[in-house]
Amino acid sequence: MPDDPLLTWAALLGKWTEFARASVALPTTGEGRRWRASVAPVISLQAVTLALGDLERLAHDERPLALDRAEVAIDADERTLRQAWESAGLPDKVEELLADARAALGRAEAQISGS
């Protein structure tokens, strides 16, 4: 994939838009139900992870609140995902998304405390 940020963003956005569209065709039982329930929190986790990478674009006095909101969003998304998958266990890719979001939060917190 080219390093052009607009193309990269467009590709990323397209991927998640397709994921959201495809979710309406998922079955309402079994694993399909779990994936349907996972669409919104998965997209939210991706958005939070990407937004945390742009934290330096916020005014210094807005950053602590942004970190708090990011943590609340990650926690809520994790609860929703774990509830959806409780009987089957989270898929590895979903675990990776959670880990990525938590890592982005940790990097952002370190950046704030260092500035």
N, C-alpha and C. Protein backbone atom coordinates (compact mmCIF):
# COMPACT_ATOMS: atom_id res chain seq x y z
N MET A 1 0.85 -1.17 0.00
CA MET A 1 0.00 0.00 0.00
C MET A 1 0.90 1.24 0.00
N PRO A 2 0.58 2.25 -0.79
CA PRO A 2 1.39 3.47 -0.84
C PRO A 2 1.40 4.19 0.51
N ASP A 3 2.42 5.04 0.69
CA ASP A 3 2.53 5.80 1.93
C ASP A 3 1.66 7.05 1.93
N ASP A 4 0.90 7.29 0.88
CA ASP A 4 0.02 8.44 0.79
C ASP A 4 -1.03 8.35 1.90
N PRO A 5 -1.01 9.29 2.90
CA PRO A 5 -1.93 9.18 4.03
C PRO A 5 -3.39 9.21 3.62
N LEU A 6 -3.75 9.96 2.59
CA LEU A 6 -5.14 10.00 2.18
C LEU A 6 -5.57 8.65 1.61
N LEU A 7 -4.72 8.05 0.81
CA LEU A 7 -5.04 6.75 0.26
C LEU A 7 -5.10 5.71 1.37
N THR A 8 -4.18 5.78 2.31
CA THR A 8 -4.18 4.85 3.42
C THR A 8 -5.45 5.01 4.24
N TRP A 9 -5.82 6.25 4.54
CA TRP A 9 -7.04 6.50 5.31
C TRP A 9 -8.27 6.03 4.53
N ALA A 10 -8.29 6.32 3.23
CA ALA A 10 -9.43 5.90 2.41
C ALA A 10 -9.55 4.37 2.41
N ALA A 11 -8.43 3.68 2.31
CA ALA A 11 -8.46 2.22 2.32
C ALA A 11 -8.94 1.71 3.67
N LEU A 12 -8.45 2.31 4.75
CA LEU A 12 -8.86 1.90 6.09
C LEU A 12 -10.34 2.15 6.28
N LEU A 13 -10.79 3.31 5.91
CA LEU A 13 -12.20 3.65 6.05
C LEU A 13 -13.07 2.71 5.22
N GLY A 14 -12.61 2.42 4.01
CA GLY A 14 -13.35 1.50 3.15
C GLY A 14 -13.47 0.12 3.75
N LYS A 15 -12.39 -0.36 4.36
CA LYS A 15 -12.39 -1.68 4.99
C LYS A 15 -13.44 -1.76 6.08
N TRP A 16 -13.49 -0.75 6.96
CA TRP A 16 -14.42 -0.79 8.08
C TRP A 16 -15.85 -0.49 7.64
N THR A 17 -16.00 0.30 6.59
CA THR A 17 -17.34 0.55 6.05
C THR A 17 -17.90 -0.75 5.48
N GLU A 18 -17.08 -1.49 4.76
CA GLU A 18 -17.51 -2.78 4.23
C GLU A 18 -17.84 -3.75 5.36
N PHE A 19 -17.03 -3.75 6.39
CA PHE A 19 -17.28 -4.60 7.56
C PHE A 19 -18.65 -4.28 8.15
N ALA A 20 -18.94 -2.99 8.32
CA ALA A 20 -20.22 -2.57 8.88
C ALA A 20 -21.38 -2.98 7.97
N ARG A 21 -21.22 -2.77 6.67
CA ARG A 21 -22.27 -3.15 5.72
C ARG A 21 -22.52 -4.65 5.73
N ALA A 22 -21.45 -5.41 5.74
CA ALA A 22 -21.57 -6.87 5.70
C ALA A 22 -22.24 -7.41 6.95
N SER A 23 -22.14 -6.68 8.05
CA SER A 23 -22.69 -7.19 9.30
C SER A 23 -24.20 -7.34 9.27
N VAL A 24 -24.89 -6.58 8.44
CA VAL A 24 -26.35 -6.70 8.40
C VAL A 24 -26.77 -8.04 7.80
N ALA A 25 -25.88 -8.67 7.05
CA ALA A 25 -26.20 -9.96 6.46
C ALA A 25 -25.84 -11.13 7.36
N LEU A 26 -25.22 -10.85 8.47
CA LEU A 26 -24.83 -11.92 9.38
C LEU A 26 -26.06 -12.54 10.03
N PRO A 27 -25.99 -13.83 10.30
CA PRO A 27 -27.12 -14.49 10.98
C PRO A 27 -27.35 -13.89 12.36
N THR A 28 -28.53 -14.04 12.86
CA THR A 28 -28.87 -13.49 14.17
C THR A 28 -28.72 -14.53 15.28
N THR A 29 -28.10 -15.65 14.95
CA THR A 29 -27.88 -16.69 15.96
C THR A 29 -26.40 -17.10 15.93
N GLY A 30 -25.97 -17.76 16.98
CA GLY A 30 -24.62 -18.31 17.04
C GLY A 30 -23.54 -17.28 16.84
N GLU A 31 -22.53 -17.67 16.08
CA GLU A 31 -21.37 -16.81 15.85
C GLU A 31 -21.75 -15.55 15.08
N GLY A 32 -22.71 -15.66 14.18
CA GLY A 32 -23.18 -14.48 13.44
C GLY A 32 -23.71 -13.41 14.38
N ARG A 33 -24.46 -13.84 15.38
CA ARG A 33 -24.99 -12.91 16.38
C ARG A 33 -23.84 -12.22 17.13
N ARG A 34 -22.82 -13.00 17.45
CA ARG A 34 -21.68 -12.43 18.17
C ARG A 34 -20.97 -11.37 17.31
N TRP A 35 -20.77 -11.69 16.04
CA TRP A 35 -20.11 -10.73 15.17
C TRP A 35 -20.96 -9.49 14.94
N ARG A 36 -22.27 -9.67 14.83
CA ARG A 36 -23.17 -8.50 14.69
C ARG A 36 -23.01 -7.59 15.90
N ALA A 37 -22.98 -8.18 17.08
CA ALA A 37 -22.84 -7.38 18.31
C ALA A 37 -21.46 -6.76 18.43
N SER A 38 -20.50 -7.28 17.68
CA SER A 38 -19.12 -6.81 17.76
C SER A 38 -18.79 -5.66 16.81
N VAL A 39 -19.62 -5.43 15.82
CA VAL A 39 -19.30 -4.45 14.79
C VAL A 39 -19.06 -3.06 15.38
N ALA A 40 -20.01 -2.54 16.13
CA ALA A 40 -19.86 -1.18 16.67
C ALA A 40 -18.65 -1.05 17.61
N PRO A 41 -18.46 -1.97 18.57
CA PRO A 41 -17.29 -1.81 19.44
C PRO A 41 -15.96 -2.00 18.71
N VAL A 42 -15.92 -2.85 17.70
CA VAL A 42 -14.69 -3.03 16.93
C VAL A 42 -14.34 -1.73 16.20
N ILE A 43 -15.33 -1.12 15.57
CA ILE A 43 -15.09 0.14 14.87
C ILE A 43 -14.71 1.23 15.87
N SER A 44 -15.38 1.25 17.01
CA SER A 44 -15.05 2.23 18.04
C SER A 44 -13.61 2.07 18.53
N LEU A 45 -13.18 0.83 18.75
CA LEU A 45 -11.80 0.59 19.19
C LEU A 45 -10.80 1.10 18.16
N GLN A 46 -11.09 0.86 16.89
CA GLN A 46 -10.20 1.36 15.84
C GLN A 46 -10.15 2.88 15.85
N ALA A 47 -11.31 3.51 15.99
CA ALA A 47 -11.36 4.97 16.00
C ALA A 47 -10.60 5.55 17.19
N VAL A 48 -10.78 4.96 18.37
CA VAL A 48 -10.08 5.43 19.57
C VAL A 48 -8.57 5.25 19.41
N THR A 49 -8.17 4.11 18.89
CA THR A 49 -6.74 3.83 18.69
C THR A 49 -6.12 4.87 17.76
N LEU A 50 -6.79 5.14 16.66
CA LEU A 50 -6.27 6.13 15.71
C LEU A 50 -6.29 7.54 16.30
N ALA A 51 -7.36 7.88 17.02
CA ALA A 51 -7.44 9.21 17.63
C ALA A 51 -6.34 9.42 18.66
N LEU A 52 -6.03 8.38 19.43
CA LEU A 52 -4.96 8.50 20.42
C LEU A 52 -3.61 8.79 19.76
N GLY A 53 -3.44 8.32 18.55
CA GLY A 53 -2.22 8.61 17.80
C GLY A 53 -2.09 10.06 17.38
N ASP A 54 -3.20 10.78 17.40
CA ASP A 54 -3.21 12.20 17.03
C ASP A 54 -3.37 13.11 18.24
N LEU A 55 -3.16 12.59 19.42
CA LEU A 55 -3.40 13.35 20.64
C LEU A 55 -2.62 14.67 20.69
N GLU A 56 -1.43 14.68 20.11
CA GLU A 56 -0.62 15.90 20.15
C GLU A 56 -1.26 17.05 19.39
N ARG A 57 -2.27 16.77 18.61
CA ARG A 57 -2.96 17.83 17.87
C ARG A 57 -3.94 18.59 18.76
N LEU A 58 -4.24 18.05 19.94
CA LEU A 58 -5.14 18.72 20.88
C LEU A 58 -4.37 19.74 21.71
N ALA A 59 -5.10 20.73 22.19
CA ALA A 59 -4.53 21.68 23.13
C ALA A 59 -4.10 20.91 24.38
N HIS A 60 -3.02 21.33 25.02
CA HIS A 60 -2.49 20.63 26.20
C HIS A 60 -3.55 20.42 27.28
N ASP A 61 -4.38 21.44 27.51
CA ASP A 61 -5.36 21.33 28.59
C ASP A 61 -6.52 20.39 28.26
N GLU A 62 -6.67 19.99 27.00
CA GLU A 62 -7.73 19.07 26.60
C GLU A 62 -7.28 17.61 26.62
N ARG A 63 -6.00 17.39 26.69
CA ARG A 63 -5.47 16.04 26.58
C ARG A 63 -5.85 15.12 27.73
N PRO A 64 -5.80 15.57 28.99
CA PRO A 64 -6.20 14.65 30.07
C PRO A 64 -7.65 14.16 29.94
N LEU A 65 -8.55 15.05 29.56
CA LEU A 65 -9.94 14.64 29.38
C LEU A 65 -10.06 13.66 28.21
N ALA A 66 -9.31 13.90 27.15
CA ALA A 66 -9.33 12.99 26.00
C ALA A 66 -8.86 11.60 26.43
N LEU A 67 -7.82 11.54 27.25
CA LEU A 67 -7.34 10.25 27.75
C LEU A 67 -8.41 9.55 28.59
N ASP A 68 -9.07 10.31 29.45
CA ASP A 68 -10.13 9.73 30.28
C ASP A 68 -11.26 9.17 29.40
N ARG A 69 -11.65 9.94 28.41
CA ARG A 69 -12.73 9.50 27.52
C ARG A 69 -12.31 8.27 26.71
N ALA A 70 -11.07 8.26 26.28
CA ALA A 70 -10.57 7.10 25.53
C ALA A 70 -10.61 5.85 26.41
N GLU A 71 -10.18 5.98 27.66
CA GLU A 71 -10.19 4.83 28.56
C GLU A 71 -11.60 4.34 28.82
N VAL A 72 -12.54 5.26 29.02
CA VAL A 72 -13.93 4.89 29.22
C VAL A 72 -14.48 4.16 27.99
N ALA A 73 -14.16 4.67 26.81
CA ALA A 73 -14.63 4.04 25.57
C ALA A 73 -14.05 2.64 25.41
N ILE A 74 -12.75 2.50 25.66
CA ILE A 74 -12.11 1.18 25.55
C ILE A 74 -12.74 0.20 26.53
N ASP A 75 -12.93 0.65 27.76
CA ASP A 75 -13.54 -0.22 28.78
C ASP A 75 -14.95 -0.65 28.36
N ALA A 76 -15.75 0.30 27.86
CA ALA A 76 -17.12 -0.02 27.44
C ALA A 76 -17.12 -0.98 26.26
N ASP A 77 -16.25 -0.72 25.29
CA ASP A 77 -16.16 -1.62 24.14
C ASP A 77 -15.73 -3.01 24.56
N GLU A 78 -14.79 -3.09 25.47
CA GLU A 78 -14.33 -4.40 25.94
C GLU A 78 -15.46 -5.15 26.65
N ARG A 79 -16.21 -4.45 27.48
CA ARG A 79 -17.34 -5.09 28.17
C ARG A 79 -18.35 -5.64 27.15
N THR A 80 -18.67 -4.84 26.15
CA THR A 80 -19.63 -5.26 25.12
C THR A 80 -19.12 -6.48 24.38
N LEU A 81 -17.84 -6.46 24.00
CA LEU A 81 -17.26 -7.58 23.27
C LEU A 81 -17.21 -8.84 24.12
N ARG A 82 -16.78 -8.71 25.35
CA ARG A 82 -16.69 -9.89 26.22
C ARG A 82 -18.08 -10.47 26.49
N GLN A 83 -19.06 -9.60 26.59
CA GLN A 83 -20.44 -10.07 26.79
C GLN A 83 -20.93 -10.83 25.55
N ALA A 84 -20.62 -10.29 24.37
CA ALA A 84 -21.07 -10.93 23.13
C ALA A 84 -20.41 -12.30 22.93
N TRP A 85 -19.17 -12.41 23.36
CA TRP A 85 -18.40 -13.64 23.11
C TRP A 85 -18.22 -14.49 24.35
N GLU A 86 -18.92 -14.20 25.43
CA GLU A 86 -18.65 -14.85 26.71
C GLU A 86 -18.63 -16.37 26.65
N SER A 87 -19.52 -16.96 25.92
CA SER A 87 -19.56 -18.43 25.90
C SER A 87 -18.52 -19.03 24.96
N ALA A 88 -18.02 -18.24 24.02
CA ALA A 88 -17.08 -18.77 23.03
C ALA A 88 -15.66 -18.26 23.22
N GLY A 89 -15.48 -17.21 23.98
CA GLY A 89 -14.16 -16.59 24.11
C GLY A 89 -13.90 -15.65 22.94
N LEU A 90 -13.20 -14.57 23.22
CA LEU A 90 -12.92 -13.57 22.17
C LEU A 90 -12.03 -14.16 21.08
N PRO A 91 -12.35 -13.88 19.82
CA PRO A 91 -11.45 -14.28 18.74
C PRO A 91 -10.10 -13.56 18.88
N ASP A 92 -9.05 -14.17 18.40
CA ASP A 92 -7.71 -13.59 18.50
C ASP A 92 -7.64 -12.18 17.93
N LYS A 93 -8.28 -11.95 16.81
CA LYS A 93 -8.23 -10.62 16.18
C LYS A 93 -8.90 -9.56 17.06
N VAL A 94 -9.94 -9.94 17.74
CA VAL A 94 -10.60 -9.00 18.65
C VAL A 94 -9.70 -8.72 19.85
N GLU A 95 -9.05 -9.75 20.36
CA GLU A 95 -8.08 -9.56 21.44
C GLU A 95 -6.97 -8.60 21.00
N GLU A 96 -6.52 -8.74 19.75
CA GLU A 96 -5.48 -7.86 19.21
C GLU A 96 -5.95 -6.42 19.16
N LEU A 97 -7.21 -6.21 18.74
CA LEU A 97 -7.75 -4.86 18.69
C LEU A 97 -7.77 -4.23 20.09
N LEU A 98 -8.18 -5.01 21.07
CA LEU A 98 -8.19 -4.52 22.45
C LEU A 98 -6.77 -4.19 22.92
N ALA A 99 -5.84 -5.08 22.62
CA ALA A 99 -4.44 -4.85 23.01
C ALA A 99 -3.88 -3.60 22.32
N ASP A 100 -4.20 -3.43 21.05
CA ASP A 100 -3.74 -2.24 20.32
C ASP A 100 -4.30 -0.96 20.94
N ALA A 101 -5.57 -1.00 21.30
CA ALA A 101 -6.20 0.19 21.90
C ALA A 101 -5.56 0.49 23.26
N ARG A 102 -5.35 -0.53 24.07
CA ARG A 102 -4.72 -0.33 25.38
C ARG A 102 -3.27 0.17 25.22
N ALA A 103 -2.57 -0.35 24.24
CA ALA A 103 -1.19 0.10 24.00
C ALA A 103 -1.17 1.55 23.54
N ALA A 104 -2.10 1.92 22.68
CA ALA A 104 -2.18 3.32 22.23
C ALA A 104 -2.49 4.24 23.40
N LEU A 105 -3.36 3.79 24.29
CA LEU A 105 -3.67 4.58 25.49
C LEU A 105 -2.42 4.73 26.35
N GLY A 106 -1.69 3.66 26.55
CA GLY A 106 -0.46 3.72 27.35
C GLY A 106 0.56 4.67 26.75
N ARG A 107 0.72 4.62 25.42
CA ARG A 107 1.67 5.54 24.76
C ARG A 107 1.22 6.99 24.92
N ALA A 108 -0.08 7.21 24.78
CA ALA A 108 -0.61 8.57 24.92
C ALA A 108 -0.44 9.08 26.35
N GLU A 109 -0.68 8.21 27.32
CA GLU A 109 -0.49 8.62 28.72
C GLU A 109 0.96 8.96 29.00
N ALA A 110 1.88 8.16 28.44
CA ALA A 110 3.30 8.44 28.62
C ALA A 110 3.69 9.75 27.96
N GLN A 111 3.11 10.01 26.81
CA GLN A 111 3.38 11.25 26.09
C GLN A 111 2.90 12.46 26.91
N ILE A 112 1.72 12.35 27.50
CA ILE A 112 1.16 13.44 28.31
C ILE A 112 2.02 13.68 29.56
N SER A 113 2.40 12.60 30.22
CA SER A 113 3.19 12.77 31.45
C SER A 113 4.59 13.29 31.16
N GLY A 114 5.07 13.06 29.93
CA GLY A 114 6.41 13.52 29.55
C GLY A 114 6.42 14.94 29.02
N SER A 115 5.26 15.50 28.75
CA SER A 115 5.26 16.87 28.17
C SER A 115 5.03 17.94 29.19
